[in-house]
Amino acid sequence: MYLDAGGWDTSFFMDFDDVDFFLRAWQRGWRCVTVPGARVYHAGGMSTFQAGPPPSEVIFRRHVGGESNRAVICLEHFTGPSLLWAAVLLLAPLAGSLLRLDFAKARIHAAALRLTLRRLPAVLRFRQANRTLRRLRPGQCFFTAAEFQRGEAGAP
């Protein structure tokens, strides 16, 4: 299943890489579930504050990466009007920060937009390679499919 879904996308920095992987697995017919009590231990044992660059740089990269990753998930997996969510996820926070004259946050949002634009060629290649899967099981249906709604028969 891991190989069939293409493994982890290493362009994701820290956040939402699991959502991207689950969407790719789900589009290929694999069942995905969330297990709230599960524990994950990273092989390197690293967290935001344990090693590497100064924490402020890691936090900046994490915010930038998280915003970009959410937009990339929309761009890779969504179809039709739902693709507009990628623009909303990137442009609304940037516009809001600029209107509030919060230039520190605007810097983060602008960096996320630049990162997403740099990732765009790979996103377009992914969309092209997976267009058949996208048409059969659009990514946005993952979030609204009855089997994933709480209270439905068979739902956890």
N, C-alpha and C. Protein backbone atom coordinates (compact mmCIF):
# COMPACT_ATOMS: atom_id res chain seq x y z
N MET A 1 0.83 -1.18 0.00
CA MET A 1 0.00 0.00 0.00
C MET A 1 0.88 1.25 0.00
N TYR A 2 1.93 1.24 0.79
CA TYR A 2 2.84 2.38 0.87
C TYR A 2 3.43 2.70 -0.50
N LEU A 3 3.92 1.69 -1.19
CA LEU A 3 4.51 1.89 -2.52
C LEU A 3 3.44 2.27 -3.54
N ASP A 4 2.27 1.62 -3.46
CA ASP A 4 1.17 1.90 -4.38
C ASP A 4 0.74 3.37 -4.29
N ALA A 5 0.74 3.91 -3.07
CA ALA A 5 0.33 5.31 -2.86
C ALA A 5 1.47 6.29 -3.12
N GLY A 6 2.67 5.79 -3.36
CA GLY A 6 3.80 6.67 -3.69
C GLY A 6 4.66 7.08 -2.51
N GLY A 7 4.43 6.48 -1.33
CA GLY A 7 5.25 6.80 -0.16
C GLY A 7 5.02 8.22 0.33
N TRP A 8 5.87 8.65 1.26
CA TRP A 8 5.75 10.00 1.80
C TRP A 8 6.28 11.00 0.80
N ASP A 9 5.58 12.13 0.66
CA ASP A 9 6.03 13.22 -0.19
C ASP A 9 7.00 14.07 0.61
N THR A 10 8.28 14.02 0.25
CA THR A 10 9.31 14.70 1.02
C THR A 10 9.29 16.22 0.84
N SER A 11 8.42 16.74 -0.03
CA SER A 11 8.33 18.20 -0.17
C SER A 11 7.53 18.81 0.98
N PHE A 12 6.88 17.99 1.79
CA PHE A 12 6.12 18.48 2.94
C PHE A 12 7.07 18.62 4.12
N PHE A 13 7.09 19.81 4.74
CA PHE A 13 7.91 20.04 5.92
C PHE A 13 7.03 19.94 7.15
N MET A 14 7.11 18.86 7.84
CA MET A 14 6.50 18.59 9.14
C MET A 14 4.98 18.39 9.14
N ASP A 15 4.20 19.23 8.55
CA ASP A 15 2.76 19.18 8.77
C ASP A 15 1.99 18.79 7.51
N PHE A 16 0.93 18.02 7.71
CA PHE A 16 -0.05 17.63 6.70
C PHE A 16 0.47 16.60 5.70
N ASP A 17 1.68 16.08 5.91
CA ASP A 17 2.17 15.02 5.04
C ASP A 17 1.33 13.76 5.20
N ASP A 18 0.78 13.54 6.40
CA ASP A 18 -0.08 12.38 6.62
C ASP A 18 -1.40 12.53 5.87
N VAL A 19 -1.97 13.72 5.84
CA VAL A 19 -3.22 13.95 5.11
C VAL A 19 -3.01 13.70 3.62
N ASP A 20 -1.90 14.20 3.08
CA ASP A 20 -1.58 13.98 1.68
C ASP A 20 -1.44 12.48 1.39
N PHE A 21 -0.73 11.77 2.25
CA PHE A 21 -0.54 10.32 2.05
C PHE A 21 -1.87 9.58 2.12
N PHE A 22 -2.70 9.93 3.09
CA PHE A 22 -4.00 9.26 3.23
C PHE A 22 -4.89 9.51 2.03
N LEU A 23 -4.87 10.74 1.51
CA LEU A 23 -5.67 11.03 0.31
C LEU A 23 -5.21 10.19 -0.87
N ARG A 24 -3.90 10.06 -1.05
CA ARG A 24 -3.39 9.25 -2.16
C ARG A 24 -3.75 7.78 -1.97
N ALA A 25 -3.69 7.29 -0.75
CA ALA A 25 -4.06 5.90 -0.47
C ALA A 25 -5.56 5.70 -0.71
N TRP A 26 -6.37 6.63 -0.22
CA TRP A 26 -7.81 6.54 -0.37
C TRP A 26 -8.21 6.56 -1.84
N GLN A 27 -7.57 7.42 -2.63
CA GLN A 27 -7.89 7.49 -4.05
C GLN A 27 -7.57 6.18 -4.77
N ARG A 28 -6.69 5.39 -4.22
CA ARG A 28 -6.32 4.11 -4.82
C ARG A 28 -7.13 2.95 -4.23
N GLY A 29 -8.14 3.27 -3.41
CA GLY A 29 -9.04 2.25 -2.91
C GLY A 29 -8.69 1.69 -1.54
N TRP A 30 -7.66 2.20 -0.90
CA TRP A 30 -7.29 1.73 0.43
C TRP A 30 -8.16 2.42 1.47
N ARG A 31 -8.54 1.70 2.50
CA ARG A 31 -9.35 2.28 3.58
C ARG A 31 -8.43 2.99 4.57
N CYS A 32 -8.79 4.21 4.93
CA CYS A 32 -8.00 4.99 5.87
C CYS A 32 -8.84 5.26 7.11
N VAL A 33 -8.23 5.08 8.26
CA VAL A 33 -8.93 5.35 9.52
C VAL A 33 -8.02 6.17 10.43
N THR A 34 -8.63 6.85 11.36
CA THR A 34 -7.90 7.58 12.38
C THR A 34 -8.03 6.82 13.69
N VAL A 35 -6.92 6.64 14.35
CA VAL A 35 -6.90 5.94 15.64
C VAL A 35 -6.38 6.93 16.68
N PRO A 36 -7.30 7.60 17.39
CA PRO A 36 -6.88 8.66 18.30
C PRO A 36 -5.88 8.22 19.37
N GLY A 37 -5.94 6.98 19.81
CA GLY A 37 -5.05 6.51 20.87
C GLY A 37 -3.68 6.05 20.38
N ALA A 38 -3.47 6.05 19.07
CA ALA A 38 -2.19 5.57 18.53
C ALA A 38 -1.06 6.52 18.89
N ARG A 39 0.12 5.97 19.10
CA ARG A 39 1.32 6.76 19.39
C ARG A 39 2.33 6.55 18.29
N VAL A 40 2.97 7.63 17.88
CA VAL A 40 4.00 7.57 16.85
C VAL A 40 5.30 8.04 17.47
N TYR A 41 6.36 7.28 17.22
CA TYR A 41 7.68 7.64 17.70
C TYR A 41 8.57 7.85 16.49
N HIS A 42 9.11 9.05 16.36
CA HIS A 42 9.97 9.38 15.24
C HIS A 42 11.34 8.74 15.45
N ALA A 43 11.88 8.19 14.38
CA ALA A 43 13.17 7.51 14.47
C ALA A 43 14.26 8.41 15.02
N GLY A 44 14.24 9.68 14.63
CA GLY A 44 15.27 10.61 15.09
C GLY A 44 14.96 11.24 16.43
N GLY A 45 13.72 11.09 16.90
CA GLY A 45 13.33 11.66 18.18
C GLY A 45 13.37 13.18 18.20
N MET A 46 13.22 13.81 17.05
CA MET A 46 13.32 15.27 16.99
C MET A 46 11.95 15.92 17.13
N SER A 47 11.96 17.09 17.71
CA SER A 47 10.77 17.92 17.73
C SER A 47 11.22 19.34 17.40
N THR A 48 10.29 20.25 17.39
CA THR A 48 10.58 21.62 17.01
C THR A 48 11.74 22.22 17.81
N PHE A 49 11.82 21.89 19.09
CA PHE A 49 12.79 22.57 19.95
C PHE A 49 14.00 21.72 20.34
N GLN A 50 14.14 20.50 19.85
CA GLN A 50 15.21 19.63 20.32
C GLN A 50 16.52 19.75 19.57
N ALA A 51 16.50 20.08 18.30
CA ALA A 51 17.76 20.10 17.56
C ALA A 51 17.61 20.93 16.30
N GLY A 52 18.71 21.15 15.64
CA GLY A 52 18.69 21.84 14.36
C GLY A 52 18.79 23.33 14.51
N PRO A 53 18.16 24.06 13.57
CA PRO A 53 18.24 25.52 13.58
C PRO A 53 17.60 26.10 14.84
N PRO A 54 17.82 27.37 15.09
CA PRO A 54 17.17 28.01 16.26
C PRO A 54 15.66 27.83 16.19
N PRO A 55 15.01 27.70 17.36
CA PRO A 55 13.55 27.48 17.37
C PRO A 55 12.77 28.50 16.57
N SER A 56 13.17 29.76 16.59
CA SER A 56 12.41 30.78 15.85
C SER A 56 12.43 30.48 14.35
N GLU A 57 13.55 29.99 13.82
CA GLU A 57 13.62 29.65 12.40
C GLU A 57 12.78 28.42 12.09
N VAL A 58 12.81 27.43 12.98
CA VAL A 58 12.00 26.22 12.77
C VAL A 58 10.52 26.57 12.82
N ILE A 59 10.12 27.41 13.76
CA ILE A 59 8.72 27.80 13.86
C ILE A 59 8.29 28.56 12.61
N PHE A 60 9.14 29.46 12.12
CA PHE A 60 8.84 30.18 10.88
C PHE A 60 8.66 29.20 9.73
N ARG A 61 9.62 28.28 9.57
CA ARG A 61 9.53 27.28 8.49
C ARG A 61 8.29 26.41 8.65
N ARG A 62 7.94 26.09 9.88
CA ARG A 62 6.77 25.23 10.11
C ARG A 62 5.49 25.95 9.71
N HIS A 63 5.36 27.22 10.07
CA HIS A 63 4.17 27.98 9.68
C HIS A 63 4.10 28.12 8.16
N VAL A 64 5.21 28.48 7.54
CA VAL A 64 5.26 28.64 6.09
C VAL A 64 4.93 27.31 5.42
N GLY A 65 5.59 26.23 5.86
CA GLY A 65 5.36 24.92 5.28
C GLY A 65 3.94 24.44 5.47
N GLY A 66 3.37 24.67 6.65
CA GLY A 66 2.00 24.24 6.91
C GLY A 66 1.00 24.91 5.99
N GLU A 67 1.14 26.23 5.81
CA GLU A 67 0.24 26.94 4.90
C GLU A 67 0.42 26.45 3.47
N SER A 68 1.65 26.28 3.06
CA SER A 68 1.91 25.80 1.70
C SER A 68 1.39 24.38 1.52
N ASN A 69 1.60 23.53 2.51
CA ASN A 69 1.15 22.13 2.41
C ASN A 69 -0.36 22.03 2.25
N ARG A 70 -1.11 22.83 2.99
CA ARG A 70 -2.58 22.80 2.85
C ARG A 70 -2.98 23.20 1.44
N ALA A 71 -2.35 24.23 0.90
CA ALA A 71 -2.67 24.66 -0.47
C ALA A 71 -2.28 23.59 -1.47
N VAL A 72 -1.12 22.95 -1.29
CA VAL A 72 -0.67 21.90 -2.21
C VAL A 72 -1.64 20.72 -2.19
N ILE A 73 -2.15 20.36 -1.03
CA ILE A 73 -3.13 19.27 -0.95
C ILE A 73 -4.35 19.62 -1.80
N CYS A 74 -4.84 20.84 -1.68
CA CYS A 74 -5.99 21.27 -2.51
C CYS A 74 -5.64 21.19 -3.99
N LEU A 75 -4.48 21.73 -4.35
CA LEU A 75 -4.09 21.76 -5.76
C LEU A 75 -3.87 20.37 -6.33
N GLU A 76 -3.34 19.45 -5.54
CA GLU A 76 -3.08 18.11 -6.05
C GLU A 76 -4.33 17.24 -6.12
N HIS A 77 -5.22 17.38 -5.15
CA HIS A 77 -6.30 16.41 -5.02
C HIS A 77 -7.69 16.92 -5.35
N PHE A 78 -7.91 18.22 -5.32
CA PHE A 78 -9.24 18.75 -5.52
C PHE A 78 -9.50 19.02 -6.99
N THR A 79 -10.78 19.10 -7.33
CA THR A 79 -11.19 19.36 -8.71
C THR A 79 -12.22 20.49 -8.73
N GLY A 80 -12.40 21.04 -9.90
CA GLY A 80 -13.43 22.05 -10.12
C GLY A 80 -13.31 23.26 -9.21
N PRO A 81 -14.45 23.80 -8.78
CA PRO A 81 -14.45 25.01 -7.95
C PRO A 81 -13.70 24.83 -6.63
N SER A 82 -13.58 23.59 -6.15
CA SER A 82 -12.88 23.35 -4.89
C SER A 82 -11.41 23.72 -4.97
N LEU A 83 -10.88 23.84 -6.18
CA LEU A 83 -9.49 24.27 -6.35
C LEU A 83 -9.28 25.69 -5.82
N LEU A 84 -10.35 26.47 -5.77
CA LEU A 84 -10.24 27.83 -5.27
C LEU A 84 -9.83 27.89 -3.80
N TRP A 85 -10.03 26.79 -3.06
CA TRP A 85 -9.62 26.77 -1.66
C TRP A 85 -8.12 27.02 -1.52
N ALA A 86 -7.34 26.56 -2.49
CA ALA A 86 -5.89 26.79 -2.43
C ALA A 86 -5.60 28.28 -2.42
N ALA A 87 -6.27 29.03 -3.28
CA ALA A 87 -6.06 30.48 -3.32
C ALA A 87 -6.54 31.13 -2.02
N VAL A 88 -7.69 30.69 -1.53
CA VAL A 88 -8.21 31.26 -0.28
C VAL A 88 -7.24 31.00 0.87
N LEU A 89 -6.71 29.77 0.94
CA LEU A 89 -5.80 29.42 2.03
C LEU A 89 -4.52 30.25 2.01
N LEU A 90 -4.12 30.72 0.84
CA LEU A 90 -2.89 31.49 0.73
C LEU A 90 -3.12 33.00 0.75
N LEU A 91 -4.15 33.45 0.06
CA LEU A 91 -4.32 34.89 -0.12
C LEU A 91 -5.10 35.57 1.01
N ALA A 92 -6.08 34.89 1.58
CA ALA A 92 -6.87 35.52 2.65
C ALA A 92 -6.03 35.88 3.87
N PRO A 93 -5.19 34.97 4.37
CA PRO A 93 -4.35 35.36 5.52
C PRO A 93 -3.37 36.48 5.19
N LEU A 94 -2.82 36.46 3.98
CA LEU A 94 -1.89 37.51 3.56
C LEU A 94 -2.61 38.86 3.52
N ALA A 95 -3.77 38.90 2.89
CA ALA A 95 -4.54 40.14 2.80
C ALA A 95 -4.94 40.63 4.19
N GLY A 96 -5.39 39.72 5.04
CA GLY A 96 -5.78 40.10 6.40
C GLY A 96 -4.62 40.69 7.19
N SER A 97 -3.46 40.09 7.08
CA SER A 97 -2.28 40.61 7.79
C SER A 97 -1.88 41.98 7.29
N LEU A 98 -1.94 42.17 5.98
CA LEU A 98 -1.60 43.47 5.42
C LEU A 98 -2.60 44.54 5.83
N LEU A 99 -3.89 44.18 5.85
CA LEU A 99 -4.91 45.15 6.27
C LEU A 99 -4.75 45.55 7.75
N ARG A 100 -4.29 44.61 8.56
CA ARG A 100 -4.06 44.89 9.98
C ARG A 100 -2.68 45.49 10.22
N LEU A 101 -1.91 45.65 9.14
CA LEU A 101 -0.53 46.17 9.22
C LEU A 101 0.35 45.29 10.11
N ASP A 102 0.05 44.00 10.12
CA ASP A 102 0.84 43.03 10.88
C ASP A 102 1.87 42.44 9.91
N PHE A 103 2.98 43.13 9.77
CA PHE A 103 3.97 42.77 8.75
C PHE A 103 4.74 41.49 9.10
N ALA A 104 4.82 41.16 10.38
CA ALA A 104 5.49 39.91 10.76
C ALA A 104 4.69 38.71 10.24
N LYS A 105 3.38 38.75 10.42
CA LYS A 105 2.55 37.66 9.91
C LYS A 105 2.45 37.70 8.39
N ALA A 106 2.41 38.90 7.83
CA ALA A 106 2.37 39.03 6.37
C ALA A 106 3.61 38.40 5.76
N ARG A 107 4.76 38.51 6.43
CA ARG A 107 6.01 37.89 5.95
C ARG A 107 5.85 36.37 5.88
N ILE A 108 5.22 35.78 6.88
CA ILE A 108 4.99 34.33 6.88
C ILE A 108 4.07 33.95 5.73
N HIS A 109 2.96 34.67 5.57
CA HIS A 109 1.98 34.35 4.53
C HIS A 109 2.58 34.55 3.13
N ALA A 110 3.38 35.59 2.96
CA ALA A 110 4.03 35.82 1.66
C ALA A 110 5.04 34.71 1.36
N ALA A 111 5.76 34.27 2.38
CA ALA A 111 6.72 33.17 2.19
C ALA A 111 5.99 31.88 1.82
N ALA A 112 4.81 31.65 2.40
CA ALA A 112 4.02 30.45 2.07
C ALA A 112 3.55 30.51 0.62
N LEU A 113 3.14 31.68 0.18
CA LEU A 113 2.73 31.86 -1.22
C LEU A 113 3.91 31.59 -2.16
N ARG A 114 5.09 32.16 -1.85
CA ARG A 114 6.27 31.94 -2.68
C ARG A 114 6.65 30.46 -2.73
N LEU A 115 6.61 29.79 -1.57
CA LEU A 115 6.95 28.37 -1.52
C LEU A 115 5.98 27.56 -2.37
N THR A 116 4.70 27.86 -2.27
CA THR A 116 3.70 27.13 -3.06
C THR A 116 3.92 27.35 -4.54
N LEU A 117 4.23 28.57 -4.94
CA LEU A 117 4.51 28.84 -6.36
C LEU A 117 5.75 28.07 -6.83
N ARG A 118 6.77 27.95 -5.98
CA ARG A 118 7.95 27.15 -6.35
C ARG A 118 7.60 25.68 -6.49
N ARG A 119 6.64 25.20 -5.70
CA ARG A 119 6.24 23.79 -5.74
C ARG A 119 5.27 23.49 -6.89
N LEU A 120 4.75 24.54 -7.53
CA LEU A 120 3.71 24.39 -8.55
C LEU A 120 4.09 23.44 -9.70
N PRO A 121 5.31 23.48 -10.25
CA PRO A 121 5.62 22.53 -11.33
C PRO A 121 5.46 21.07 -10.90
N ALA A 122 5.90 20.73 -9.69
CA ALA A 122 5.73 19.36 -9.19
C ALA A 122 4.26 19.03 -8.96
N VAL A 123 3.50 20.01 -8.48
CA VAL A 123 2.06 19.82 -8.27
C VAL A 123 1.37 19.53 -9.60
N LEU A 124 1.71 20.29 -10.63
CA LEU A 124 1.10 20.08 -11.95
C LEU A 124 1.48 18.72 -12.53
N ARG A 125 2.73 18.29 -12.32
CA ARG A 125 3.12 16.94 -12.76
C ARG A 125 2.32 15.87 -12.02
N PHE A 126 2.11 16.06 -10.72
CA PHE A 126 1.32 15.13 -9.93
C PHE A 126 -0.11 15.08 -10.45
N ARG A 127 -0.70 16.24 -10.70
CA ARG A 127 -2.08 16.27 -11.21
C ARG A 127 -2.19 15.55 -12.54
N GLN A 128 -1.23 15.77 -13.41
CA GLN A 128 -1.24 15.12 -14.73
C GLN A 128 -1.13 13.60 -14.58
N ALA A 129 -0.21 13.15 -13.74
CA ALA A 129 0.02 11.71 -13.56
C ALA A 129 -1.16 11.03 -12.88
N ASN A 130 -1.94 11.77 -12.10
CA ASN A 130 -3.03 11.18 -11.32
C ASN A 130 -4.40 11.66 -11.73
N ARG A 131 -4.53 12.16 -12.95
CA ARG A 131 -5.82 12.73 -13.36
C ARG A 131 -6.93 11.70 -13.38
N THR A 132 -6.64 10.46 -13.74
CA THR A 132 -7.67 9.42 -13.75
C THR A 132 -8.19 9.17 -12.34
N LEU A 133 -7.29 9.06 -11.37
CA LEU A 133 -7.71 8.85 -9.98
C LEU A 133 -8.49 10.05 -9.46
N ARG A 134 -8.08 11.23 -9.83
CA ARG A 134 -8.75 12.44 -9.37
C ARG A 134 -10.18 12.48 -9.89
N ARG A 135 -10.38 12.02 -11.12
CA ARG A 135 -11.74 12.04 -11.69
C ARG A 135 -12.62 10.98 -11.05
N LEU A 136 -12.04 9.84 -10.71
CA LEU A 136 -12.83 8.76 -10.11
C LEU A 136 -13.20 9.06 -8.66
N ARG A 137 -12.25 9.61 -7.92
CA ARG A 137 -12.46 9.87 -6.50
C ARG A 137 -11.83 11.22 -6.15
N PRO A 138 -12.52 12.31 -6.44
CA PRO A 138 -11.94 13.62 -6.14
C PRO A 138 -11.54 13.73 -4.67
N GLY A 139 -10.44 14.39 -4.43
CA GLY A 139 -9.91 14.51 -3.08
C GLY A 139 -10.87 15.12 -2.09
N GLN A 140 -11.65 16.13 -2.53
CA GLN A 140 -12.53 16.79 -1.58
C GLN A 140 -13.62 15.85 -1.08
N CYS A 141 -13.94 14.79 -1.83
CA CYS A 141 -14.95 13.83 -1.38
C CYS A 141 -14.46 13.04 -0.17
N PHE A 142 -13.14 12.98 0.00
CA PHE A 142 -12.58 12.29 1.16
C PHE A 142 -13.14 12.88 2.44
N PHE A 143 -13.32 14.20 2.45
CA PHE A 143 -13.75 14.87 3.65
C PHE A 143 -15.26 14.85 3.84
N THR A 144 -16.01 14.50 2.79
CA THR A 144 -17.46 14.52 2.89
C THR A 144 -18.10 13.15 2.68
N ALA A 145 -17.30 12.13 2.35
CA ALA A 145 -17.85 10.80 2.11
C ALA A 145 -18.57 10.29 3.35
N ALA A 146 -19.71 9.65 3.14
CA ALA A 146 -20.56 9.20 4.24
C ALA A 146 -19.81 8.28 5.20
N GLU A 147 -18.92 7.42 4.67
CA GLU A 147 -18.24 6.48 5.56
C GLU A 147 -17.27 7.17 6.53
N PHE A 148 -16.97 8.44 6.30
CA PHE A 148 -16.08 9.16 7.19
C PHE A 148 -16.82 10.09 8.13
N GLN A 149 -18.13 10.14 8.02
CA GLN A 149 -18.91 11.03 8.89
C GLN A 149 -19.26 10.32 10.19
N ARG A 150 -19.10 11.02 11.28
CA ARG A 150 -19.41 10.47 12.60
C ARG A 150 -20.91 10.13 12.67
N GLY A 151 -21.20 8.98 13.22
CA GLY A 151 -22.58 8.58 13.40
C GLY A 151 -23.12 7.71 12.27
N GLU A 152 -22.38 7.58 11.18
CA GLU A 152 -22.81 6.72 10.09
C GLU A 152 -22.54 5.26 10.44
N ALA A 153 -23.31 4.37 9.84
CA ALA A 153 -23.10 2.94 10.08
C ALA A 153 -21.69 2.56 9.69
N GLY A 154 -21.00 1.88 10.57
CA GLY A 154 -19.66 1.40 10.28
C GLY A 154 -18.58 2.44 10.57
N ALA A 155 -18.97 3.67 10.88
CA ALA A 155 -17.97 4.69 11.18
C ALA A 155 -17.47 4.52 12.60
N PRO A 156 -16.19 4.79 12.83
CA PRO A 156 -15.66 4.64 14.20
C PRO A 156 -16.24 5.65 15.15
